[in-house]
C-alpha atoms as a PDB file:
ATOM      1  CA  MET A   1      -0.148   0.288  -0.069  1.00  0.00           C
ATOM      2  CA  THR A   2       1.367   3.405  -0.839  1.00  0.00           C
ATOM      3  CA  GLN A   3       0.343   6.543   0.571  1.00  0.00           C
ATOM      4  CA  GLU A   4       0.510   9.742  -1.459  1.00  0.00           C
ATOM      5  CA  THR A   5       1.689  12.796   0.691  1.00  0.00           C
ATOM      6  CA  ALA A   6       0.228  16.017  -0.347  1.00  0.00           C
ATOM      7  CA  GLU A   7       3.108  18.492  -0.868  1.00  0.00           C
ATOM      8  CA  LYS A   8       2.571  21.957   0.187  1.00  0.00           C
ATOM      9  CA  THR A   9       3.445  25.065  -1.912  1.00  0.00           C
ATOM     10  CA  TYR A  10       4.410  28.152  -0.307  1.00  0.00           C
ATOM     11  CA  SER A  11       5.319  31.653  -2.197  1.00  0.00           C
ATOM     12  CA  ALA A  12       6.264  35.135  -1.650  1.00  0.00           C
ATOM     13  CA  GLU A  13       7.060  38.198  -3.207  1.00  0.00           C
ATOM     14  CA  ILE A  14      10.452  39.606  -2.676  1.00  0.00           C
ATOM     15  CA  ILE A  15      11.868  42.832  -3.541  1.00  0.00           C
ATOM     16  CA  VAL A  16      15.700  43.208  -4.351  1.00  0.00           C
ATOM     17  CA  GLN A  17      17.094  45.713  -1.939  1.00  0.00           C
ATOM     18  CA  ASP A  18      20.877  45.178  -2.421  1.00  0.00           C
ATOM     19  CA  ARG A  19      22.457  48.110  -4.344  1.00  0.00           C
ATOM     20  CA  ARG A  20      24.143  45.674  -6.518  1.00  0.00           C
ATOM     21  CA  GLY A  21      20.966  43.555  -7.287  1.00  0.00           C
ATOM     22  CA  LEU A  22      21.319  39.925  -7.403  1.00  0.00           C
ATOM     23  CA  HIS A  23      25.255  39.346  -8.029  1.00  0.00           C
ATOM     24  CA  LEU A  24      27.645  36.498  -8.381  1.00  0.00           C
ATOM     25  CA  ARG A  25      28.118  36.182  -4.691  1.00  0.00           C
ATOM     26  CA  SER A  26      24.564  36.583  -3.659  1.00  0.00           C
ATOM     27  CA  ALA A  27      23.453  34.192  -6.284  1.00  0.00           C
ATOM     28  CA  SER A  28      26.023  31.434  -4.913  1.00  0.00           C
ATOM     29  CA  GLU A  29      24.836  31.966  -1.418  1.00  0.00           C
ATOM     30  CA  LEU A  30      21.372  31.594  -2.311  1.00  0.00           C
ATOM     31  CA  ALA A  31      21.917  28.457  -4.354  1.00  0.00           C
ATOM     32  CA  ARG A  32      23.739  27.087  -1.461  1.00  0.00           C
ATOM     33  CA  LEU A  33      20.912  27.936   0.850  1.00  0.00           C
ATOM     34  CA  ALA A  34      18.399  26.454  -1.234  1.00  0.00           C
ATOM     35  CA  CYS A  35      20.567  23.279  -1.677  1.00  0.00           C
ATOM     36  CA  GLY A  36      20.038  22.774   2.121  1.00  0.00           C
ATOM     37  CA  PHE A  37      16.254  22.170   1.636  1.00  0.00           C
ATOM     38  CA  SER A  38      14.543  19.113  -0.032  1.00  0.00           C
ATOM     39  CA  SER A  39      11.818  21.243  -1.316  1.00  0.00           C
ATOM     40  CA  ALA A  40      11.852  22.516  -5.069  1.00  0.00           C
ATOM     41  CA  MET A  41      12.236  26.028  -5.211  1.00  0.00           C
ATOM     42  CA  GLN A  42      11.957  28.627  -8.122  1.00  0.00           C
ATOM     43  CA  LEU A  43      12.398  32.387  -8.249  1.00  0.00           C
ATOM     44  CA  THR A  44      10.781  34.419 -11.091  1.00  0.00           C
ATOM     45  CA  ASN A  45      11.745  37.940 -12.467  1.00  0.00           C
ATOM     46  CA  GLY A  46       9.088  38.893 -14.976  1.00  0.00           C
ATOM     47  CA  LYS A  47       9.070  36.244 -17.466  1.00  0.00           C
ATOM     48  CA  ARG A  48      12.360  34.550 -16.414  1.00  0.00           C
ATOM     49  CA  THR A  49      12.145  31.520 -13.825  1.00  0.00           C
ATOM     50  CA  ALA A  50      15.215  30.008 -12.321  1.00  0.00           C
ATOM     51  CA  ASP A  51      15.629  26.940 -10.232  1.00  0.00           C
ATOM     52  CA  MET A  52      16.939  28.216  -6.762  1.00  0.00           C
ATOM     53  CA  LYS A  53      19.634  25.414  -6.438  1.00  0.00           C
ATOM     54  CA  SER A  54      21.231  26.907  -9.650  1.00  0.00           C
ATOM     55  CA  MET A  55      23.487  29.672  -9.370  1.00  0.00           C
ATOM     56  CA  LEU A  56      23.825  30.216 -13.091  1.00  0.00           C
ATOM     57  CA  GLY A  57      19.988  30.190 -13.319  1.00  0.00           C
ATOM     58  CA  LEU A  58      19.649  32.871 -10.516  1.00  0.00           C
ATOM     59  CA  ILE A  59      22.070  35.071 -12.454  1.00  0.00           C
ATOM     60  CA  THR A  60      20.088  34.871 -15.795  1.00  0.00           C
ATOM     61  CA  LEU A  61      17.411  36.575 -13.709  1.00  0.00           C
ATOM     62  CA  ALA A  62      19.209  39.720 -14.167  1.00  0.00           C
ATOM     63  CA  ALA A  63      17.469  41.019 -10.901  1.00  0.00           C
ATOM     64  CA  VAL A  64      18.635  44.559 -10.263  1.00  0.00           C
ATOM     65  CA  ARG A  65      17.687  46.895  -7.104  1.00  0.00           C
ATOM     66  CA  GLY A  66      14.027  47.315  -7.176  1.00  0.00           C
ATOM     67  CA  SER A  67      13.233  43.976  -8.854  1.00  0.00           C
ATOM     68  CA  HIS A  68      10.158  42.219  -7.663  1.00  0.00           C
ATOM     69  CA  LEU A  69      10.778  38.691  -7.447  1.00  0.00           C
ATOM     70  CA  GLN A  70       8.158  35.770  -7.094  1.00  0.00           C
ATOM     71  CA  LEU A  71       9.627  32.911  -4.716  1.00  0.00           C
ATOM     72  CA  THR A  72       7.810  29.608  -4.898  1.00  0.00           C
ATOM     73  CA  ALA A  73       8.672  26.321  -2.944  1.00  0.00           C
ATOM     74  CA  GLN A  74       7.069  23.089  -2.928  1.00  0.00           C
ATOM     75  CA  GLY A  75       7.863  20.169  -0.645  1.00  0.00           C
ATOM     76  CA  ASN A  76       7.964  19.160   2.871  1.00  0.00           C
ATOM     77  CA  ASP A  77      10.125  21.819   4.122  1.00  0.00           C
ATOM     78  CA  ALA A  78       8.708  24.411   1.841  1.00  0.00           C
ATOM     79  CA  ALA A  79       7.545  26.768   4.550  1.00  0.00           C
ATOM     80  CA  GLU A  80      10.924  26.794   6.224  1.00  0.00           C
ATOM     81  CA  ALA A  81      12.714  27.365   2.733  1.00  0.00           C
ATOM     82  CA  VAL A  82      10.829  30.448   1.912  1.00  0.00           C
ATOM     83  CA  SER A  83      11.186  31.744   5.450  1.00  0.00           C
ATOM     84  CA  ALA A  84      15.116  31.221   5.006  1.00  0.00           C
ATOM     85  CA  VAL A  85      15.359  32.971   1.632  1.00  0.00           C
ATOM     86  CA  CYS A  86      13.077  35.945   2.704  1.00  0.00           C
ATOM     87  CA  ALA A  87      15.197  36.315   5.761  1.00  0.00           C
ATOM     88  CA  TYR A  88      18.282  36.173   3.295  1.00  0.00           C
ATOM     89  CA  PHE A  89      16.977  39.014   1.395  1.00  0.00           C
ATOM     90  CA  THR A  90      16.137  41.107   4.221  1.00  0.00           C
ATOM     91  CA  GLN A  91      19.750  40.725   5.731  1.00  0.00           C
ATOM     92  CA  SER A  92      21.334  41.453   2.368  1.00  0.00           C
ATOM     93  CA  GLY A  93      19.333  44.574   1.934  1.00  0.00           C
ATOM     94  CA  LYS A  94      20.505  46.028   5.339  1.00  0.00           C
ATOM     95  CA  GLU A  95      24.065  45.181   4.366  1.00  0.00           C
ATOM     96  CA  SER A  96      24.072  47.390   1.213  1.00  0.00           C
END
């Protein structure tokens, strides 16, 4: 007997506050952070969507300061993943 578990989806809107936008270092840190979660995570900027676990994908979003990004996570730890990514963006905005 198999039991399907309903995976929950969580999302949040993030505004890039870092004066340098989403640059290489922050993309690397975000990908590393996302890899710590089992949930599938995506970040969208306009028509571009990237896998959060891919640094190169995050760079292709070309997110500058003031960009409105849509974060979506689906999986068992999706709520924690969204919370951690939002905290990262909040902290990076304070450092710029």
